[in-house]
Protein backbone atom coordinates (compact mmCIF):
# COMPACT_ATOMS: atom_id res chain seq x y z
CA MET A 1 -5.76 68.54 -23.90
CA GLU A 2 -4.53 65.36 -22.95
CA GLU A 3 -6.48 62.11 -22.57
CA GLU A 4 -5.77 59.90 -20.14
CA LEU A 5 -5.74 56.22 -20.40
CA GLU A 6 -8.70 54.11 -18.77
CA GLN A 7 -7.41 51.95 -16.00
CA ALA A 8 -9.38 48.53 -15.74
CA ASN A 9 -8.86 46.51 -12.88
CA PHE A 10 -7.54 42.89 -13.53
CA TYR A 11 -8.33 40.41 -10.53
CA TYR A 12 -6.04 37.44 -9.37
CA ALA A 13 -8.63 35.42 -8.97
CA LEU A 14 -9.56 35.23 -12.47
CA HIS A 15 -6.18 34.23 -13.68
CA ARG A 16 -4.36 32.28 -10.94
CA PRO A 17 -3.21 28.58 -11.31
CA GLN A 18 -4.96 25.69 -10.34
CA GLU A 19 -3.00 24.42 -7.45
CA VAL A 20 -3.61 21.55 -5.06
CA LEU A 21 -1.40 21.55 -1.82
CA GLY A 22 1.22 23.80 -3.73
CA GLY A 23 1.72 21.96 -6.75
CA GLU A 24 0.41 21.33 -9.77
CA ARG A 25 -3.53 19.82 -9.61
CA GLU A 26 -3.01 17.53 -12.41
CA LEU A 27 0.68 15.79 -10.97
CA THR A 28 -0.26 16.34 -7.22
CA LEU A 29 -3.68 14.52 -7.80
CA PHE A 30 -1.52 11.40 -9.76
CA SER A 31 0.80 10.95 -7.35
CA MET A 32 -1.69 11.26 -4.20
CA LEU A 33 -3.69 8.39 -6.38
CA LEU A 34 -0.35 6.45 -6.88
CA ALA A 35 0.91 6.23 -3.23
CA GLY A 36 -2.69 5.46 -2.42
CA ALA A 37 -3.06 2.47 -4.42
CA LEU A 38 0.57 1.12 -3.39
CA ILE A 39 -0.82 1.93 0.10
CA PHE A 40 -4.59 0.13 -0.08
CA THR A 41 -3.00 -2.93 -2.19
CA GLY A 42 0.27 -3.64 0.06
CA MET A 43 -2.36 -2.96 3.40
CA ASN A 44 0.69 -3.65 5.14
CA TRP A 45 2.87 -0.67 7.68
CA THR A 46 5.94 -1.29 5.40
CA THR A 47 4.18 -0.36 1.99
CA THR A 48 2.33 2.30 4.19
CA PHE A 49 5.57 4.20 4.96
CA VAL A 50 6.91 3.50 1.39
CA GLY A 51 4.28 4.90 -0.30
CA GLY A 52 3.69 7.70 2.34
CA SER A 53 7.46 8.71 1.66
CA ILE A 54 7.11 8.32 -2.07
CA TRP A 55 4.11 10.61 -1.87
CA THR A 56 6.09 13.07 0.49
CA VAL A 57 9.33 13.36 -1.86
CA CYS A 58 6.69 14.16 -4.90
CA TRP A 59 4.76 16.84 -3.19
CA TYR A 60 7.79 18.40 -2.01
CA PHE A 61 9.44 18.61 -5.39
CA LEU A 62 6.20 19.12 -7.43
CA LYS A 63 5.85 22.94 -4.96
CA LYS A 64 9.53 23.22 -5.63
CA MET A 65 8.19 23.08 -9.58
CA ALA A 66 4.88 25.30 -8.95
CA LYS A 67 6.82 27.74 -7.06
CA SER A 68 9.08 28.31 -10.43
CA ASP A 69 7.03 27.86 -12.88
CA PRO A 70 2.79 27.04 -12.36
CA ILE A 71 2.24 25.49 -15.19
CA MET A 72 6.13 23.57 -16.13
CA SER A 73 4.64 20.58 -17.24
CA LYS A 74 2.01 21.64 -19.79
CA VAL A 75 5.03 24.05 -21.18
CA TYR A 76 7.32 20.79 -21.07
CA ILE A 77 4.83 18.90 -23.11
CA THR A 78 4.18 21.91 -25.53
CA GLN A 79 8.08 21.82 -26.15
CA LEU A 80 7.90 17.95 -26.64
CA LYS A 81 4.99 18.54 -29.46
CA TYR A 82 6.63 21.05 -31.39
CA ARG A 83 10.15 19.48 -31.53
CA PRO A 84 9.83 18.59 -34.52
CA TYR A 85 9.63 22.42 -35.86
CA TYR A 86 12.43 23.74 -33.28
CA PRO A 87 15.62 23.95 -35.78
CA ALA A 88 18.56 21.91 -34.73
CA HIS A 89 20.93 25.03 -34.99
CA SER A 90 20.47 28.47 -34.69
CA THR A 91 20.85 29.23 -38.51
CA PRO A 92 20.55 26.98 -41.87
CA PHE A 93 24.22 27.74 -42.54
CA ALA A 94 25.46 26.30 -38.84
CA GLU A 95 27.75 23.33 -39.07
């Protein structure tokens, strides 16, 4: 008599990445903060246009980045942290 494996439901809402407006949460909010600071410190139409343009471009690329990998910035920071441990060559005998 074969025993069947018990299946457990894995709810997507419990492991969904945190995103704001389709981009990574921290990067999107930081780009909004920088654009808002530029707009409110300049207080004229030129800086409003420049700040809005910068934020729109950042938001577009952050959405593309999050669609590719929702935690890409965290993976990149981890890769930078462990760079001294990664060998420069594939084997110790490589020249």
